[in-house]
Amino acid sequence: MIAALPALVSRLRLKQLCLFNRTRQGLEANDLGHCAIRYARLVHTDLAHLRKEVFGILRGPGGRLPVGAVMGAMPLLWNALEAESASQPGA
C-alpha cells in the first residue's frame, strides 16, 4: 500500500471522517475507505508509469508513444513502426 495512506487517514480523522472500522479481526475499510484505497491505487499506478517513463527518457531511447488505429490500418501502422525502430539502432 502507499506510504502516504496513514497521513491521509490521520488528516481525515481530524475532520471526523473515518475510513476504517476497527473490528476483532483488525481494520476493515468502510465505504469512504474503499474509495480512498481505489484512488490510492490509481495514483500509485500513475506514479509507477511516471517513474518508468522518466527513467526511459533519461537513458535516451525512452518515452511513451500511444498509438491508435482501426483494424484495417494495423498492417500499415506495424510496418511504419518497424521501419522507425530499425532506423534507430539501440532504441
N, C-alpha and C. Protein backbone atom coordinates (compact mmCIF):
# COMPACT_ATOMS: atom_id res chain seq x y z
N MET A 1 0.85 -1.18 0.00
CA MET A 1 0.00 0.00 0.00
C MET A 1 0.89 1.23 0.00
N ILE A 2 0.33 2.32 -0.31
CA ILE A 2 1.08 3.56 -0.44
C ILE A 2 1.46 4.10 0.94
N ALA A 3 2.68 4.62 1.06
CA ALA A 3 3.18 5.09 2.34
C ALA A 3 2.41 6.31 2.84
N ALA A 4 1.79 7.08 1.97
CA ALA A 4 1.09 8.29 2.38
C ALA A 4 -0.29 8.02 2.95
N LEU A 5 -0.76 6.79 2.87
CA LEU A 5 -2.11 6.49 3.35
C LEU A 5 -2.28 6.79 4.84
N PRO A 6 -1.33 6.45 5.72
CA PRO A 6 -1.52 6.80 7.13
C PRO A 6 -1.67 8.30 7.35
N ALA A 7 -0.92 9.10 6.60
CA ALA A 7 -1.05 10.55 6.73
C ALA A 7 -2.44 11.00 6.30
N LEU A 8 -2.94 10.42 5.21
CA LEU A 8 -4.28 10.75 4.73
C LEU A 8 -5.32 10.37 5.77
N VAL A 9 -5.16 9.19 6.36
CA VAL A 9 -6.11 8.73 7.37
C VAL A 9 -6.12 9.69 8.55
N SER A 10 -4.94 10.11 9.03
CA SER A 10 -4.89 10.98 10.19
C SER A 10 -5.49 12.35 9.86
N ARG A 11 -5.25 12.87 8.66
CA ARG A 11 -5.83 14.18 8.30
C ARG A 11 -7.34 14.09 8.20
N LEU A 12 -7.86 13.01 7.63
CA LEU A 12 -9.30 12.85 7.53
C LEU A 12 -9.93 12.62 8.89
N ARG A 13 -9.21 11.95 9.77
CA ARG A 13 -9.73 11.71 11.11
C ARG A 13 -9.89 13.04 11.86
N LEU A 14 -8.98 13.99 11.60
CA LEU A 14 -9.11 15.31 12.22
C LEU A 14 -10.41 15.99 11.79
N LYS A 15 -10.87 15.68 10.61
CA LYS A 15 -12.12 16.26 10.11
C LYS A 15 -13.31 15.35 10.44
N GLN A 16 -13.12 14.40 11.34
CA GLN A 16 -14.17 13.48 11.77
C GLN A 16 -14.65 12.56 10.65
N LEU A 17 -13.79 12.30 9.67
CA LEU A 17 -14.11 11.32 8.64
C LEU A 17 -13.32 10.06 8.95
N CYS A 18 -13.99 8.97 9.03
CA CYS A 18 -13.32 7.71 9.35
C CYS A 18 -13.33 6.82 8.11
N LEU A 19 -12.15 6.31 7.74
CA LEU A 19 -12.02 5.45 6.57
C LEU A 19 -12.11 3.97 6.90
N PHE A 20 -11.76 3.63 8.15
CA PHE A 20 -11.70 2.23 8.55
C PHE A 20 -12.44 2.03 9.86
N ASN A 21 -12.99 0.86 10.01
CA ASN A 21 -13.64 0.46 11.26
C ASN A 21 -12.77 -0.59 11.93
N ARG A 22 -12.57 -0.46 13.23
CA ARG A 22 -11.78 -1.43 13.98
C ARG A 22 -12.69 -2.58 14.41
N THR A 23 -12.27 -3.80 14.08
CA THR A 23 -13.02 -4.99 14.47
C THR A 23 -12.09 -5.93 15.22
N ARG A 24 -12.60 -7.06 15.66
CA ARG A 24 -11.74 -8.06 16.33
C ARG A 24 -10.69 -8.61 15.38
N GLN A 25 -11.01 -8.62 14.08
CA GLN A 25 -10.08 -9.14 13.08
C GLN A 25 -9.07 -8.08 12.63
N GLY A 26 -9.23 -6.84 13.06
CA GLY A 26 -8.33 -5.76 12.65
C GLY A 26 -9.13 -4.62 12.05
N LEU A 27 -8.53 -3.92 11.12
CA LEU A 27 -9.20 -2.80 10.48
C LEU A 27 -9.89 -3.24 9.21
N GLU A 28 -11.10 -2.74 9.00
CA GLU A 28 -11.84 -3.02 7.78
C GLU A 28 -12.24 -1.68 7.17
N ALA A 29 -12.04 -1.55 5.88
CA ALA A 29 -12.39 -0.32 5.19
C ALA A 29 -13.90 -0.18 5.10
N ASN A 30 -14.38 1.03 5.39
CA ASN A 30 -15.79 1.31 5.15
C ASN A 30 -15.91 1.88 3.73
N ASP A 31 -17.07 2.43 3.38
CA ASP A 31 -17.27 2.94 2.02
C ASP A 31 -16.26 4.03 1.68
N LEU A 32 -16.02 4.96 2.62
CA LEU A 32 -15.02 6.01 2.37
C LEU A 32 -13.62 5.41 2.23
N GLY A 33 -13.33 4.41 3.02
CA GLY A 33 -12.03 3.75 2.96
C GLY A 33 -11.82 3.06 1.62
N HIS A 34 -12.84 2.37 1.14
CA HIS A 34 -12.73 1.71 -0.16
C HIS A 34 -12.49 2.74 -1.27
N CYS A 35 -13.17 3.87 -1.17
CA CYS A 35 -12.98 4.94 -2.15
C CYS A 35 -11.54 5.45 -2.10
N ALA A 36 -11.03 5.71 -0.89
CA ALA A 36 -9.66 6.21 -0.74
C ALA A 36 -8.65 5.19 -1.26
N ILE A 37 -8.87 3.91 -0.97
CA ILE A 37 -7.96 2.86 -1.44
C ILE A 37 -7.96 2.79 -2.95
N ARG A 38 -9.14 2.89 -3.55
CA ARG A 38 -9.24 2.84 -5.02
C ARG A 38 -8.43 3.97 -5.65
N TYR A 39 -8.57 5.18 -5.13
CA TYR A 39 -7.82 6.30 -5.68
C TYR A 39 -6.34 6.20 -5.36
N ALA A 40 -5.99 5.68 -4.21
CA ALA A 40 -4.58 5.49 -3.86
C ALA A 40 -3.92 4.52 -4.84
N ARG A 41 -4.63 3.48 -5.22
CA ARG A 41 -4.09 2.52 -6.20
C ARG A 41 -3.89 3.17 -7.56
N LEU A 42 -4.85 4.02 -7.95
CA LEU A 42 -4.71 4.73 -9.23
C LEU A 42 -3.48 5.64 -9.21
N VAL A 43 -3.31 6.38 -8.12
CA VAL A 43 -2.16 7.28 -8.01
C VAL A 43 -0.87 6.47 -8.00
N HIS A 44 -0.87 5.36 -7.29
CA HIS A 44 0.33 4.52 -7.23
C HIS A 44 0.70 4.01 -8.62
N THR A 45 -0.29 3.57 -9.38
CA THR A 45 -0.04 3.09 -10.75
C THR A 45 0.48 4.22 -11.63
N ASP A 46 -0.14 5.40 -11.53
CA ASP A 46 0.32 6.54 -12.32
C ASP A 46 1.76 6.91 -11.98
N LEU A 47 2.11 6.88 -10.70
CA LEU A 47 3.48 7.21 -10.31
C LEU A 47 4.47 6.16 -10.81
N ALA A 48 4.05 4.90 -10.83
CA ALA A 48 4.92 3.85 -11.37
C ALA A 48 5.16 4.08 -12.86
N HIS A 49 4.11 4.47 -13.60
CA HIS A 49 4.27 4.76 -15.03
C HIS A 49 5.15 5.98 -15.23
N LEU A 50 4.98 7.00 -14.38
CA LEU A 50 5.82 8.19 -14.46
C LEU A 50 7.29 7.82 -14.25
N ARG A 51 7.56 7.03 -13.24
CA ARG A 51 8.94 6.61 -12.94
C ARG A 51 9.55 5.87 -14.13
N LYS A 52 8.79 4.94 -14.70
CA LYS A 52 9.28 4.15 -15.83
C LYS A 52 9.57 5.06 -17.03
N GLU A 53 8.68 5.99 -17.29
CA GLU A 53 8.86 6.88 -18.43
C GLU A 53 10.05 7.83 -18.22
N VAL A 54 10.19 8.37 -17.01
CA VAL A 54 11.30 9.28 -16.72
C VAL A 54 12.63 8.55 -16.87
N PHE A 55 12.73 7.34 -16.33
CA PHE A 55 13.98 6.60 -16.47
C PHE A 55 14.26 6.26 -17.93
N GLY A 56 13.22 5.97 -18.71
CA GLY A 56 13.41 5.71 -20.14
C GLY A 56 13.92 6.93 -20.86
N ILE A 57 13.39 8.10 -20.52
CA ILE A 57 13.85 9.34 -21.16
C ILE A 57 15.29 9.63 -20.76
N LEU A 58 15.62 9.45 -19.48
CA LEU A 58 16.98 9.73 -19.01
C LEU A 58 18.00 8.79 -19.64
N ARG A 59 17.60 7.55 -19.93
CA ARG A 59 18.52 6.60 -20.56
C ARG A 59 18.68 6.87 -22.04
N GLY A 60 17.79 7.65 -22.62
CA GLY A 60 17.96 8.00 -24.03
C GLY A 60 16.81 7.59 -24.92
N PRO A 61 16.58 6.32 -25.11
CA PRO A 61 15.59 5.94 -26.11
C PRO A 61 14.16 5.89 -25.58
N GLY A 62 13.94 6.25 -24.33
CA GLY A 62 12.66 6.02 -23.68
C GLY A 62 11.59 7.01 -24.02
N GLY A 63 10.50 6.85 -23.34
CA GLY A 63 9.31 7.65 -23.54
C GLY A 63 8.17 6.76 -23.98
N ARG A 64 7.00 7.35 -24.06
CA ARG A 64 5.83 6.57 -24.47
C ARG A 64 5.22 7.23 -25.69
N LEU A 65 4.73 6.41 -26.55
CA LEU A 65 4.03 6.90 -27.73
C LEU A 65 2.75 6.09 -27.87
N PRO A 66 1.65 6.60 -27.32
CA PRO A 66 0.40 5.88 -27.50
C PRO A 66 -0.09 6.04 -28.94
N VAL A 67 -0.48 4.94 -29.55
CA VAL A 67 -0.89 4.95 -30.94
C VAL A 67 -2.22 4.21 -31.05
N GLY A 68 -3.12 4.76 -31.83
CA GLY A 68 -4.38 4.10 -32.07
C GLY A 68 -4.61 3.97 -33.57
N ALA A 69 -5.32 2.95 -33.97
CA ALA A 69 -5.60 2.75 -35.39
C ALA A 69 -6.80 1.83 -35.52
N VAL A 70 -7.46 1.93 -36.65
CA VAL A 70 -8.53 0.98 -36.95
C VAL A 70 -7.89 -0.31 -37.46
N MET A 71 -8.60 -1.40 -37.35
CA MET A 71 -8.02 -2.71 -37.68
C MET A 71 -7.48 -2.78 -39.12
N GLY A 72 -8.14 -2.13 -40.06
CA GLY A 72 -7.68 -2.19 -41.44
C GLY A 72 -6.33 -1.52 -41.64
N ALA A 73 -6.00 -0.56 -40.79
CA ALA A 73 -4.74 0.16 -40.93
C ALA A 73 -3.60 -0.47 -40.12
N MET A 74 -3.86 -1.50 -39.35
CA MET A 74 -2.83 -2.09 -38.50
C MET A 74 -1.60 -2.57 -39.27
N PRO A 75 -1.73 -3.23 -40.43
CA PRO A 75 -0.52 -3.64 -41.15
C PRO A 75 0.35 -2.43 -41.54
N LEU A 76 -0.27 -1.36 -41.98
CA LEU A 76 0.49 -0.17 -42.34
C LEU A 76 1.16 0.44 -41.12
N LEU A 77 0.43 0.51 -40.01
CA LEU A 77 0.99 1.06 -38.78
C LEU A 77 2.15 0.20 -38.30
N TRP A 78 1.97 -1.11 -38.32
CA TRP A 78 3.02 -2.03 -37.87
C TRP A 78 4.29 -1.87 -38.72
N ASN A 79 4.12 -1.80 -40.03
CA ASN A 79 5.28 -1.62 -40.91
C ASN A 79 5.97 -0.29 -40.64
N ALA A 80 5.22 0.77 -40.43
CA ALA A 80 5.80 2.08 -40.15
C ALA A 80 6.58 2.06 -38.83
N LEU A 81 6.02 1.41 -37.80
CA LEU A 81 6.71 1.32 -36.52
C LEU A 81 7.98 0.48 -36.62
N GLU A 82 7.93 -0.61 -37.37
CA GLU A 82 9.13 -1.43 -37.56
C GLU A 82 10.21 -0.64 -38.30
N ALA A 83 9.83 0.12 -39.33
CA ALA A 83 10.80 0.92 -40.08
C ALA A 83 11.42 1.99 -39.19
N GLU A 84 10.61 2.63 -38.37
CA GLU A 84 11.11 3.66 -37.45
C GLU A 84 12.04 3.05 -36.42
N SER A 85 11.68 1.90 -35.92
CA SER A 85 12.51 1.22 -34.92
C SER A 85 13.85 0.79 -35.54
N ALA A 86 13.82 0.31 -36.76
CA ALA A 86 15.06 -0.12 -37.44
C ALA A 86 15.96 1.09 -37.73
N SER A 87 15.37 2.26 -37.92
CA SER A 87 16.19 3.44 -38.24
C SER A 87 16.86 4.01 -36.99
N GLN A 88 16.53 3.48 -35.81
CA GLN A 88 17.13 3.96 -34.57
C GLN A 88 17.75 2.81 -33.81
N PRO A 89 18.94 2.38 -34.22
CA PRO A 89 19.56 1.25 -33.51
C PRO A 89 19.85 1.61 -32.07
N GLY A 90 19.69 0.64 -31.21
CA GLY A 90 19.93 0.84 -29.79
C GLY A 90 18.73 1.40 -29.07
N ALA A 91 17.68 1.72 -29.78
CA ALA A 91 16.49 2.27 -29.11
C ALA A 91 15.57 1.18 -28.68
